[in-house]
Amino acid sequence: SAGTAQAMTIEVRYIEADGIARQYVVGRAPGDYAIEPSVRMP
């Protein structure tokens, strides 16, 4: 995570079954990914 106690991001990195490491941002459902991200997290 990065940010503050009031507003932070959570990312997870897995080594998948195919041996490839992938990193994801965690989000709550539902997520609207049709537009550009609108929150800038310093």
PDB file of all heavy atoms in Angstrom:
ATOM      1  N   SER A   1       0.849  -1.196   0.000  1.00  0.00           N
ATOM      2  CA  SER A   1       0.000   0.000   0.000  1.00  0.00           C
ATOM      3  C   SER A   1       0.877   1.236   0.000  1.00  0.00           C
ATOM      4  O   SER A   1       2.008   1.222   0.492  1.00  0.00           O
ATOM      5  CB  SER A   1      -0.898   0.041   1.235  1.00  0.00           C
ATOM      6  OG  SER A   1      -1.894  -0.931   1.154  1.00  0.00           O
ATOM      7  N   ALA A   2       0.310   2.323  -0.539  1.00  0.00           N
ATOM      8  CA  ALA A   2       0.940   3.641  -0.456  1.00  0.00           C
ATOM      9  C   ALA A   2      -0.172   4.650  -0.228  1.00  0.00           C
ATOM     10  O   ALA A   2      -1.302   4.450  -0.665  1.00  0.00           O
ATOM     11  CB  ALA A   2       1.697   3.963  -1.744  1.00  0.00           C
ATOM     12  N   GLY A   3       0.169   5.737   0.471  1.00  0.00           N
ATOM     13  CA  GLY A   3      -0.801   6.788   0.743  1.00  0.00           C
ATOM     14  C   GLY A   3      -0.882   7.092   2.217  1.00  0.00           C
ATOM     15  O   GLY A   3       0.129   7.085   2.919  1.00  0.00           O
ATOM     16  N   THR A   4      -2.104   7.347   2.669  1.00  0.00           N
ATOM     17  CA  THR A   4      -2.350   7.678   4.066  1.00  0.00           C
ATOM     18  C   THR A   4      -3.373   6.721   4.660  1.00  0.00           C
ATOM     19  O   THR A   4      -4.025   5.971   3.926  1.00  0.00           O
ATOM     20  CB  THR A   4      -2.900   9.114   4.210  1.00  0.00           C
ATOM     21  OG1 THR A   4      -4.225   9.146   3.658  1.00  0.00           O
ATOM     22  CG2 THR A   4      -2.013  10.141   3.518  1.00  0.00           C
ATOM     23  N   ALA A   5      -3.535   6.777   5.970  1.00  0.00           N
ATOM     24  CA  ALA A   5      -4.530   5.932   6.632  1.00  0.00           C
ATOM     25  C   ALA A   5      -5.944   6.236   6.136  1.00  0.00           C
ATOM     26  O   ALA A   5      -6.804   5.364   6.122  1.00  0.00           O
ATOM     27  CB  ALA A   5      -4.453   6.122   8.148  1.00  0.00           C
ATOM     28  N   GLN A   6      -6.181   7.470   5.686  1.00  0.00           N
ATOM     29  CA  GLN A   6      -7.507   7.859   5.216  1.00  0.00           C
ATOM     30  C   GLN A   6      -7.745   7.502   3.753  1.00  0.00           C
ATOM     31  O   GLN A   6      -8.880   7.338   3.327  1.00  0.00           O
ATOM     32  CB  GLN A   6      -7.725   9.361   5.400  1.00  0.00           C
ATOM     33  CG  GLN A   6      -7.744   9.815   6.836  1.00  0.00           C
ATOM     34  CD  GLN A   6      -6.351   9.877   7.456  1.00  0.00           C
ATOM     35  OE1 GLN A   6      -5.358  10.191   6.799  1.00  0.00           O
ATOM     36  NE2 GLN A   6      -6.262   9.557   8.741  1.00  0.00           N
ATOM     37  N   ALA A   7      -6.673   7.382   2.958  1.00  0.00           N
ATOM     38  CA  ALA A   7      -6.807   7.101   1.522  1.00  0.00           C
ATOM     39  C   ALA A   7      -5.538   6.435   1.018  1.00  0.00           C
ATOM     40  O   ALA A   7      -4.497   7.087   0.916  1.00  0.00           O
ATOM     41  CB  ALA A   7      -7.069   8.391   0.751  1.00  0.00           C
ATOM     42  N   MET A   8      -5.630   5.142   0.743  1.00  0.00           N
ATOM     43  CA  MET A   8      -4.470   4.397   0.267  1.00  0.00           C
ATOM     44  C   MET A   8      -4.845   3.456  -0.856  1.00  0.00           C
ATOM     45  O   MET A   8      -6.002   3.074  -1.010  1.00  0.00           O
ATOM     46  CB  MET A   8      -3.822   3.609   1.406  1.00  0.00           C
ATOM     47  CG  MET A   8      -4.642   2.441   1.910  1.00  0.00           C
ATOM     48  SD  MET A   8      -3.839   1.515   3.247  1.00  0.00           S
ATOM     49  CE  MET A   8      -3.854   2.705   4.561  1.00  0.00           C
ATOM     50  N   THR A   9      -3.837   3.110  -1.632  1.00  0.00           N
ATOM     51  CA  THR A   9      -3.990   2.092  -2.653  1.00  0.00           C
ATOM     52  C   THR A   9      -3.522   0.757  -2.080  1.00  0.00           C
ATOM     53  O   THR A   9      -2.735   0.730  -1.130  1.00  0.00           O
ATOM     54  CB  THR A   9      -3.161   2.436  -3.909  1.00  0.00           C
ATOM     55  OG1 THR A   9      -3.377   1.425  -4.889  1.00  0.00           O
ATOM     56  CG2 THR A   9      -1.689   2.537  -3.608  1.00  0.00           C
ATOM     57  N   ILE A  10      -4.010  -0.320  -2.649  1.00  0.00           N
ATOM     58  CA  ILE A  10      -3.526  -1.658  -2.313  1.00  0.00           C
ATOM     59  C   ILE A  10      -3.170  -2.329  -3.630  1.00  0.00           C
ATOM     60  O   ILE A  10      -3.984  -2.355  -4.561  1.00  0.00           O
ATOM     61  CB  ILE A  10      -4.583  -2.497  -1.573  1.00  0.00           C
ATOM     62  CG1 ILE A  10      -5.047  -1.808  -0.298  1.00  0.00           C
ATOM     63  CG2 ILE A  10      -4.041  -3.900  -1.279  1.00  0.00           C
ATOM     64  CD1 ILE A  10      -6.213  -2.500   0.396  1.00  0.00           C
ATOM     65  N   GLU A  11      -1.960  -2.869  -3.699  1.00  0.00           N
ATOM     66  CA  GLU A  11      -1.520  -3.614  -4.868  1.00  0.00           C
ATOM     67  C   GLU A  11      -1.065  -4.997  -4.422  1.00  0.00           C
ATOM     68  O   GLU A  11      -0.528  -5.154  -3.325  1.00  0.00           O
ATOM     69  CB  GLU A  11      -0.361  -2.907  -5.571  1.00  0.00           C
ATOM     70  CG  GLU A  11      -0.732  -1.565  -6.132  1.00  0.00           C
ATOM     71  CD  GLU A  11       0.447  -0.844  -6.759  1.00  0.00           C
ATOM     72  OE1 GLU A  11       1.577  -1.391  -6.753  1.00  0.00           O
ATOM     73  OE2 GLU A  11       0.246   0.278  -7.243  1.00  0.00           O
ATOM     74  N   VAL A  12      -1.280  -5.967  -5.296  1.00  0.00           N
ATOM     75  CA  VAL A  12      -0.834  -7.325  -5.014  1.00  0.00           C
ATOM     76  C   VAL A  12      -0.015  -7.818  -6.204  1.00  0.00           C
ATOM     77  O   VAL A  12      -0.332  -7.512  -7.356  1.00  0.00           O
ATOM     78  CB  VAL A  12      -2.022  -8.273  -4.721  1.00  0.00           C
ATOM     79  CG1 VAL A  12      -2.947  -8.436  -5.918  1.00  0.00           C
ATOM     80  CG2 VAL A  12      -1.545  -9.616  -4.205  1.00  0.00           C
ATOM     81  N   ARG A  13       1.052  -8.529  -5.901  1.00  0.00           N
ATOM     82  CA  ARG A  13       1.874  -9.157  -6.936  1.00  0.00           C
ATOM     83  C   ARG A  13       1.854 -10.651  -6.681  1.00  0.00           C
ATOM     84  O   ARG A  13       2.186 -11.111  -5.584  1.00  0.00           O
ATOM     85  CB  ARG A  13       3.306  -8.639  -6.882  1.00  0.00           C
ATOM     86  CG  ARG A  13       4.195  -9.212  -7.989  1.00  0.00           C
ATOM     87  CD  ARG A  13       5.585  -8.585  -7.899  1.00  0.00           C
ATOM     88  NE  ARG A  13       6.386  -8.853  -9.053  1.00  0.00           N
ATOM     89  CZ  ARG A  13       7.461  -9.648  -9.043  1.00  0.00           C
ATOM     90  NH1 ARG A  13       7.830 -10.269  -7.942  1.00  0.00           N
ATOM     91  NH2 ARG A  13       8.163  -9.813 -10.147  1.00  0.00           N
ATOM     92  N   TYR A  14       1.427 -11.389  -7.700  1.00  0.00           N
ATOM     93  CA  TYR A  14       1.391 -12.847  -7.636  1.00  0.00           C
ATOM     94  C   TYR A  14       2.364 -13.424  -8.645  1.00  0.00           C
ATOM     95  O   TYR A  14       2.559 -12.850  -9.718  1.00  0.00           O
ATOM     96  CB  TYR A  14      -0.002 -13.378  -8.012  1.00  0.00           C
ATOM     97  CG  TYR A  14      -1.113 -13.075  -7.054  1.00  0.00           C
ATOM     98  CD1 TYR A  14      -2.300 -12.512  -7.515  1.00  0.00           C
ATOM     99  CD2 TYR A  14      -1.018 -13.384  -5.707  1.00  0.00           C
ATOM    100  CE1 TYR A  14      -3.353 -12.252  -6.654  1.00  0.00           C
ATOM    101  CE2 TYR A  14      -2.068 -13.120  -4.836  1.00  0.00           C
ATOM    102  CZ  TYR A  14      -3.235 -12.562  -5.317  1.00  0.00           C
ATOM    103  OH  TYR A  14      -4.277 -12.310  -4.464  1.00  0.00           O
ATOM    104  N   ILE A  15       2.919 -14.572  -8.333  1.00  0.00           N
ATOM    105  CA  ILE A  15       3.587 -15.394  -9.329  1.00  0.00           C
ATOM    106  C   ILE A  15       2.506 -16.381  -9.766  1.00  0.00           C
ATOM    107  O   ILE A  15       2.094 -17.248  -9.001  1.00  0.00           O
ATOM    108  CB  ILE A  15       4.817 -16.140  -8.762  1.00  0.00           C
ATOM    109  CG1 ILE A  15       5.790 -15.168  -8.098  1.00  0.00           C
ATOM    110  CG2 ILE A  15       5.480 -16.958  -9.869  1.00  0.00           C
ATOM    111  CD1 ILE A  15       6.356 -14.096  -9.009  1.00  0.00           C
ATOM    112  N   GLU A  16       2.015 -16.206 -10.990  1.00  0.00           N
ATOM    113  CA  GLU A  16       0.883 -16.993 -11.472  1.00  0.00           C
ATOM    114  C   GLU A  16       1.319 -18.419 -11.843  1.00  0.00           C
ATOM    115  O   GLU A  16       2.517 -18.705 -11.936  1.00  0.00           O
ATOM    116  CB  GLU A  16       0.251 -16.296 -12.681  1.00  0.00           C
ATOM    117  CG  GLU A  16      -0.166 -14.867 -12.419  1.00  0.00           C
ATOM    118  CD  GLU A  16      -1.448 -14.704 -11.619  1.00  0.00           C
ATOM    119  OE1 GLU A  16      -2.013 -15.697 -11.135  1.00  0.00           O
ATOM    120  OE2 GLU A  16      -1.887 -13.559 -11.486  1.00  0.00           O
ATOM    121  N   ALA A  17       0.350 -19.285 -12.081  1.00  0.00           N
ATOM    122  CA  ALA A  17       0.619 -20.686 -12.409  1.00  0.00           C
ATOM    123  C   ALA A  17       1.500 -20.833 -13.652  1.00  0.00           C
ATOM    124  O   ALA A  17       2.238 -21.810 -13.775  1.00  0.00           O
ATOM    125  CB  ALA A  17      -0.696 -21.435 -12.603  1.00  0.00           C
ATOM    126  N   ASP A  18       1.452 -19.859 -14.556  1.00  0.00           N
ATOM    127  CA  ASP A  18       2.283 -19.915 -15.767  1.00  0.00           C
ATOM    128  C   ASP A  18       3.704 -19.412 -15.532  1.00  0.00           C
ATOM    129  O   ASP A  18       4.504 -19.310 -16.454  1.00  0.00           O
ATOM    130  CB  ASP A  18       1.628 -19.139 -16.916  1.00  0.00           C
ATOM    131  CG  ASP A  18       1.401 -17.668 -16.595  1.00  0.00           C
ATOM    132  OD1 ASP A  18       1.861 -17.180 -15.540  1.00  0.00           O
ATOM    133  OD2 ASP A  18       0.737 -16.997 -17.410  1.00  0.00           O
ATOM    134  N   GLY A  19       4.032 -19.072 -14.257  1.00  0.00           N
ATOM    135  CA  GLY A  19       5.364 -18.621 -13.910  1.00  0.00           C
ATOM    136  C   GLY A  19       5.603 -17.135 -14.108  1.00  0.00           C
ATOM    137  O   GLY A  19       6.676 -16.627 -13.802  1.00  0.00           O
ATOM    138  N   ILE A  20       4.612 -16.418 -14.607  1.00  0.00           N
ATOM    139  CA  ILE A  20       4.745 -14.986 -14.863  1.00  0.00           C
ATOM    140  C   ILE A  20       4.315 -14.210 -13.620  1.00  0.00           C
ATOM    141  O   ILE A  20       3.287 -14.505 -13.016  1.00  0.00           O
ATOM    142  CB  ILE A  20       3.920 -14.564 -16.094  1.00  0.00           C
ATOM    143  CG1 ILE A  20       4.465 -15.265 -17.336  1.00  0.00           C
ATOM    144  CG2 ILE A  20       3.921 -13.049 -16.269  1.00  0.00           C
ATOM    145  CD1 ILE A  20       3.651 -15.038 -18.590  1.00  0.00           C
ATOM    146  N   ALA A  21       5.116 -13.212 -13.246  1.00  0.00           N
ATOM    147  CA  ALA A  21       4.764 -12.328 -12.135  1.00  0.00           C
ATOM    148  C   ALA A  21       3.851 -11.228 -12.661  1.00  0.00           C
ATOM    149  O   ALA A  21       4.180 -10.561 -13.648  1.00  0.00           O
ATOM    150  CB  ALA A  21       6.018 -11.726 -11.526  1.00  0.00           C
ATOM    151  N   ARG A  22       2.705 -11.040 -12.020  1.00  0.00           N
ATOM    152  CA  ARG A  22       1.753 -10.010 -12.412  1.00  0.00           C
ATOM    153  C   ARG A  22       1.385  -9.181 -11.188  1.00  0.00           C
ATOM    154  O   ARG A  22       1.163  -9.722 -10.112  1.00  0.00           O
ATOM    155  CB  ARG A  22       0.506 -10.627 -13.019  1.00  0.00           C
ATOM    156  CG  ARG A  22       0.758 -11.290 -14.353  1.00  0.00           C
ATOM    157  CD  ARG A  22      -0.536 -11.835 -14.978  1.00  0.00           C
ATOM    158  NE  ARG A  22      -0.278 -12.404 -16.278  1.00  0.00           N
ATOM    159  CZ  ARG A  22       0.040 -13.690 -16.494  1.00  0.00           C
ATOM    160  NH1 ARG A  22       0.149 -14.525 -15.468  1.00  0.00           N
ATOM    161  NH2 ARG A  22       0.255 -14.125 -17.719  1.00  0.00           N
ATOM    162  N   GLN A  23       1.313  -7.877 -11.399  1.00  0.00           N
ATOM    163  CA  GLN A  23       0.946  -6.958 -10.323  1.00  0.00           C
ATOM    164  C   GLN A  23      -0.390  -6.315 -10.661  1.00  0.00           C
ATOM    165  O   GLN A  23      -0.613  -5.880 -11.790  1.00  0.00           O
ATOM    166  CB  GLN A  23       2.019  -5.894 -10.136  1.00  0.00           C
ATOM    167  CG  GLN A  23       1.791  -5.046  -8.909  1.00  0.00           C
ATOM    168  CD  GLN A  23       3.046  -4.331  -8.491  1.00  0.00           C
ATOM    169  OE1 GLN A  23       4.150  -4.796  -8.749  1.00  0.00           O
ATOM    170  NE2 GLN A  23       2.881  -3.207  -7.824  1.00  0.00           N
ATOM    171  N   TYR A  24      -1.253  -6.232  -9.637  1.00  0.00           N
ATOM    172  CA  TYR A  24      -2.606  -5.733  -9.797  1.00  0.00           C
ATOM    173  C   TYR A  24      -2.898  -4.646  -8.760  1.00  0.00           C
ATOM    174  O   TYR A  24      -2.388  -4.701  -7.645  1.00  0.00           O
ATOM    175  CB  TYR A  24      -3.627  -6.855  -9.560  1.00  0.00           C
ATOM    176  CG  TYR A  24      -3.458  -8.060 -10.439  1.00  0.00           C
ATOM    177  CD1 TYR A  24      -2.646  -9.121 -10.043  1.00  0.00           C
ATOM    178  CD2 TYR A  24      -4.130  -8.159 -11.652  1.00  0.00           C
ATOM    179  CE1 TYR A  24      -2.505 -10.253 -10.837  1.00  0.00           C
ATOM    180  CE2 TYR A  24      -3.996  -9.293 -12.453  1.00  0.00           C
ATOM    181  CZ  TYR A  24      -3.177 -10.334 -12.031  1.00  0.00           C
ATOM    182  OH  TYR A  24      -3.036 -11.444 -12.826  1.00  0.00           O
ATOM    183  N   VAL A  25      -3.764  -3.711  -9.119  1.00  0.00           N
ATOM    184  CA  VAL A  25      -4.363  -2.802  -8.157  1.00  0.00           C
ATOM    185  C   VAL A  25      -5.645  -3.465  -7.678  1.00  0.00           C
ATOM    186  O   VAL A  25      -6.428  -3.981  -8.490  1.00  0.00           O
ATOM    187  CB  VAL A  25      -4.681  -1.425  -8.780  1.00  0.00           C
ATOM    188  CG1 VAL A  25      -5.440  -0.548  -7.784  1.00  0.00           C
ATOM    189  CG2 VAL A  25      -3.414  -0.728  -9.224  1.00  0.00           C
ATOM    190  N   VAL A  26      -5.873  -3.457  -6.381  1.00  0.00           N
ATOM    191  CA  VAL A  26      -7.073  -4.047  -5.785  1.00  0.00           C
ATOM    192  C   VAL A  26      -8.172  -2.996  -5.778  1.00  0.00           C
ATOM    193  O   VAL A  26      -7.932  -1.823  -5.476  1.00  0.00           O
ATOM    194  CB  VAL A  26      -6.779  -4.520  -4.350  1.00  0.00           C
ATOM    195  CG1 VAL A  26      -8.034  -5.084  -3.686  1.00  0.00           C
ATOM    196  CG2 VAL A  26      -5.635  -5.543  -4.340  1.00  0.00           C
ATOM    197  N   GLY A  27      -9.386  -3.421  -6.123  1.00  0.00           N
ATOM    198  CA  GLY A  27     -10.532  -2.516  -6.105  1.00  0.00           C
ATOM    199  C   GLY A  27     -11.785  -3.218  -5.622  1.00  0.00           C
ATOM    200  O   GLY A  27     -11.871  -4.440  -5.609  1.00  0.00           O
ATOM    201  N   ARG A  28     -12.753  -2.412  -5.218  1.00  0.00           N
ATOM    202  CA  ARG A  28     -14.064  -2.943  -4.826  1.00  0.00           C
ATOM    203  C   ARG A  28     -14.921  -3.091  -6.072  1.00  0.00           C
ATOM    204  O   ARG A  28     -14.796  -2.311  -7.012  1.00  0.00           O
ATOM    205  CB  ARG A  28     -14.782  -1.973  -3.888  1.00  0.00           C
ATOM    206  CG  ARG A  28     -14.244  -1.902  -2.504  1.00  0.00           C
ATOM    207  CD  ARG A  28     -15.066  -0.875  -1.704  1.00  0.00           C
ATOM    208  NE  ARG A  28     -14.189  -0.093  -0.875  1.00  0.00           N
ATOM    209  CZ  ARG A  28     -13.443   0.919  -1.274  1.00  0.00           C
ATOM    210  NH1 ARG A  28     -13.464   1.332  -2.503  1.00  0.00           N
ATOM    211  NH2 ARG A  28     -12.669   1.549  -0.424  1.00  0.00           N
ATOM    212  N   ALA A  29     -15.821  -4.057  -6.044  1.00  0.00           N
ATOM    213  CA  ALA A  29     -16.798  -4.204  -7.125  1.00  0.00           C
ATOM    214  C   ALA A  29     -17.996  -3.328  -6.790  1.00  0.00           C
ATOM    215  O   ALA A  29     -18.303  -3.122  -5.622  1.00  0.00           O
ATOM    216  CB  ALA A  29     -17.219  -5.671  -7.254  1.00  0.00           C
ATOM    217  N   PRO A  30     -18.703  -2.772  -7.755  1.00  0.00           N
ATOM    218  CA  PRO A  30     -18.343  -2.801  -9.178  1.00  0.00           C
ATOM    219  C   PRO A  30     -17.303  -1.734  -9.475  1.00  0.00           C
ATOM    220  O   PRO A  30     -17.165  -0.757  -8.733  1.00  0.00           O
ATOM    221  CB  PRO A  30     -19.654  -2.483  -9.876  1.00  0.00           C
ATOM    222  CG  PRO A  30     -20.375  -1.586  -8.921  1.00  0.00           C
ATOM    223  CD  PRO A  30     -19.969  -2.063  -7.535  1.00  0.00           C
ATOM    224  N   GLY A  31     -16.582  -1.935 -10.549  1.00  0.00           N
ATOM    225  CA  GLY A  31     -15.586  -0.963 -10.976  1.00  0.00           C
ATOM    226  C   GLY A  31     -15.901  -0.477 -12.374  1.00  0.00           C
ATOM    227  O   GLY A  31     -16.233  -1.265 -13.249  1.00  0.00           O
ATOM    228  N   ASP A  32     -15.843   0.829 -12.578  1.00  0.00           N
ATOM    229  CA  ASP A  32     -16.079   1.410 -13.898  1.00  0.00           C
ATOM    230  C   ASP A  32     -14.732   1.782 -14.497  1.00  0.00           C
ATOM    231  O   ASP A  32     -14.147   2.805 -14.157  1.00  0.00           O
ATOM    232  CB  ASP A  32     -16.985   2.641 -13.797  1.00  0.00           C
ATOM    233  CG  ASP A  32     -17.279   3.261 -15.156  1.00  0.00           C
ATOM    234  OD1 ASP A  32     -16.890   2.669 -16.186  1.00  0.00           O
ATOM    235  OD2 ASP A  32     -17.883   4.345 -15.181  1.00  0.00           O
ATOM    236  N   TYR A  33     -14.233   0.925 -15.371  1.00  0.00           N
ATOM    237  CA  TYR A  33     -12.921   1.134 -15.970  1.00  0.00           C
ATOM    238  C   TYR A  33     -13.024   1.662 -17.402  1.00  0.00           C
ATOM    239  O   TYR A  33     -12.047   1.647 -18.133  1.00  0.00           O
ATOM    240  CB  TYR A  33     -12.113  -0.165 -15.924  1.00  0.00           C
ATOM    241  CG  TYR A  33     -11.899  -0.663 -14.511  1.00  0.00           C
ATOM    242  CD1 TYR A  33     -12.479  -1.837 -14.066  1.00  0.00           C
ATOM    243  CD2 TYR A  33     -11.115   0.063 -13.622  1.00  0.00           C
ATOM    244  CE1 TYR A  33     -12.286  -2.293 -12.768  1.00  0.00           C
ATOM    245  CE2 TYR A  33     -10.921  -0.369 -12.317  1.00  0.00           C
ATOM    246  CZ  TYR A  33     -11.509  -1.550 -11.901  1.00  0.00           C
ATOM    247  OH  TYR A  33     -11.312  -1.981 -10.613  1.00  0.00           O
ATOM    248  N   ALA A  34     -14.196   2.154 -17.784  1.00  0.00           N
ATOM    249  CA  ALA A  34     -14.394   2.682 -19.137  1.00  0.00           C
ATOM    250  C   ALA A  34     -13.813   4.088 -19.276  1.00  0.00           C
ATOM    251  O   ALA A  34     -13.565   4.541 -20.382  1.00  0.00           O
ATOM    252  CB  ALA A  34     -15.881   2.687 -19.486  1.00  0.00           C
ATOM    253  N   ILE A  35     -13.617   4.763 -18.160  1.00  0.00           N
ATOM    254  CA  ILE A  35     -13.055   6.116 -18.190  1.00  0.00           C
ATOM    255  C   ILE A  35     -11.637   6.069 -17.614  1.00  0.00           C
ATOM    256  O   ILE A  35     -11.209   5.046 -17.086  1.00  0.00           O
ATOM    257  CB  ILE A  35     -13.931   7.094 -17.372  1.00  0.00           C
ATOM    258  CG1 ILE A  35     -14.062   6.600 -15.925  1.00  0.00           C
ATOM    259  CG2 ILE A  35     -15.311   7.249 -18.006  1.00  0.00           C
ATOM    260  CD1 ILE A  35     -14.727   7.563 -14.987  1.00  0.00           C
ATOM    261  N   GLU A  36     -10.915   7.162 -17.690  1.00  0.00           N
ATOM    262  CA  GLU A  36      -9.571   7.236 -17.122  1.00  0.00           C
ATOM    263  C   GLU A  36      -9.659   7.333 -15.595  1.00  0.00           C
ATOM    264  O   GLU A  36     -10.633   7.846 -15.059  1.00  0.00           O
ATOM    265  CB  GLU A  36      -8.839   8.463 -17.680  1.00  0.00           C
ATOM    266  CG  GLU A  36      -8.493   8.354 -19.151  1.00  0.00           C
ATOM    267  CD  GLU A  36      -7.537   7.213 -19.444  1.00  0.00           C
ATOM    268  OE1 GLU A  36      -6.518   7.079 -18.743  1.00  0.00           O
ATOM    269  OE2 GLU A  36      -7.840   6.431 -20.375  1.00  0.00           O
ATOM    270  N   PRO A  37      -8.630   6.845 -14.884  1.00  0.00           N
ATOM    271  CA  PRO A  37      -8.619   6.988 -13.422  1.00  0.00           C
ATOM    272  C   PRO A  37      -8.758   8.457 -13.027  1.00  0.00           C
ATOM    273  O   PRO A  37      -8.177   9.334 -13.660  1.00  0.00           O
ATOM    274  CB  PRO A  37      -7.246   6.452 -13.026  1.00  0.00           C
ATOM    275  CG  PRO A  37      -6.825   5.572 -14.162  1.00  0.00           C
ATOM    276  CD  PRO A  37      -7.434   6.174 -15.389  1.00  0.00           C
ATOM    277  N   SER A  38      -9.540   8.719 -11.982  1.00  0.00           N
ATOM    278  CA  SER A  38      -9.840  10.100 -11.604  1.00  0.00           C
ATOM    279  C   SER A  38      -9.277  10.514 -10.245  1.00  0.00           C
ATOM    280  O   SER A  38      -9.451  11.654  -9.829  1.00  0.00           O
ATOM    281  CB  SER A  38     -11.356  10.310 -11.603  1.00  0.00           C
ATOM    282  OG  SER A  38     -11.970   9.457 -10.655  1.00  0.00           O
ATOM    283  N   VAL A  39      -8.594   9.592  -9.550  1.00  0.00           N
ATOM    284  CA  VAL A  39      -8.051   9.907  -8.232  1.00  0.00           C
ATOM    285  C   VAL A  39      -6.527   9.898  -8.325  1.00  0.00           C
ATOM    286  O   VAL A  39      -5.930   8.889  -8.706  1.00  0.00           O
ATOM    287  CB  VAL A  39      -8.516   8.895  -7.166  1.00  0.00           C
ATOM    288  CG1 VAL A  39      -7.884   9.202  -5.815  1.00  0.00           C
ATOM    289  CG2 VAL A  39     -10.027   8.863  -7.065  1.00  0.00           C
ATOM    290  N   ARG A  40      -5.908  11.011  -7.986  1.00  0.00           N
ATOM    291  CA  ARG A  40      -4.440  11.085  -7.943  1.00  0.00           C
ATOM    292  C   ARG A  40      -4.012  10.871  -6.499  1.00  0.00           C
ATOM    293  O   ARG A  40      -4.381  11.631  -5.615  1.00  0.00           O
ATOM    294  CB  ARG A  40      -3.961  12.430  -8.451  1.00  0.00           C
ATOM    295  CG  ARG A  40      -2.434  12.518  -8.380  1.00  0.00           C
ATOM    296  CD  ARG A  40      -1.871  13.347  -9.447  1.00  0.00           C
ATOM    297  NE  ARG A  40      -1.896  12.620 -10.701  1.00  0.00           N
ATOM    298  CZ  ARG A  40      -1.259  13.022 -11.785  1.00  0.00           C
ATOM    299  NH1 ARG A  40      -0.582  14.134 -11.765  1.00  0.00           N
ATOM    300  NH2 ARG A  40      -1.312  12.332 -12.890  1.00  0.00           N
ATOM    301  N   MET A  41      -3.243   9.797  -6.260  1.00  0.00           N
ATOM    302  CA  MET A  41      -2.810   9.413  -4.917  1.00  0.00           C
ATOM    303  C   MET A  41      -1.326   9.758  -4.753  1.00  0.00           C
ATOM    304  O   MET A  41      -0.460   9.053  -5.251  1.00  0.00           O
ATOM    305  CB  MET A  41      -3.016   7.908  -4.726  1.00  0.00           C
ATOM    306  CG  MET A  41      -2.429   7.323  -3.480  1.00  0.00           C
ATOM    307  SD  MET A  41      -3.461   7.435  -2.038  1.00  0.00           S
ATOM    308  CE  MET A  41      -5.008   6.828  -2.612  1.00  0.00           C
ATOM    309  N   PRO A  42      -1.003  10.872  -4.050  1.00  0.00           N
ATOM    310  CA  PRO A  42       0.405  11.191  -3.811  1.00  0.00           C
ATOM    311  C   PRO A  42       0.966  10.336  -2.676  1.00  0.00           C
ATOM    312  O   PRO A  42       0.253   9.931  -1.769  1.00  0.00           O
ATOM    313  CB  PRO A  42       0.366  12.667  -3.424  1.00  0.00           C
ATOM    314  CG  PRO A  42      -0.989  12.868  -2.847  1.00  0.00           C
ATOM    315  CD  PRO A  42      -1.907  11.879  -3.529  1.00  0.00           C
TER     316      PRO A  42
END
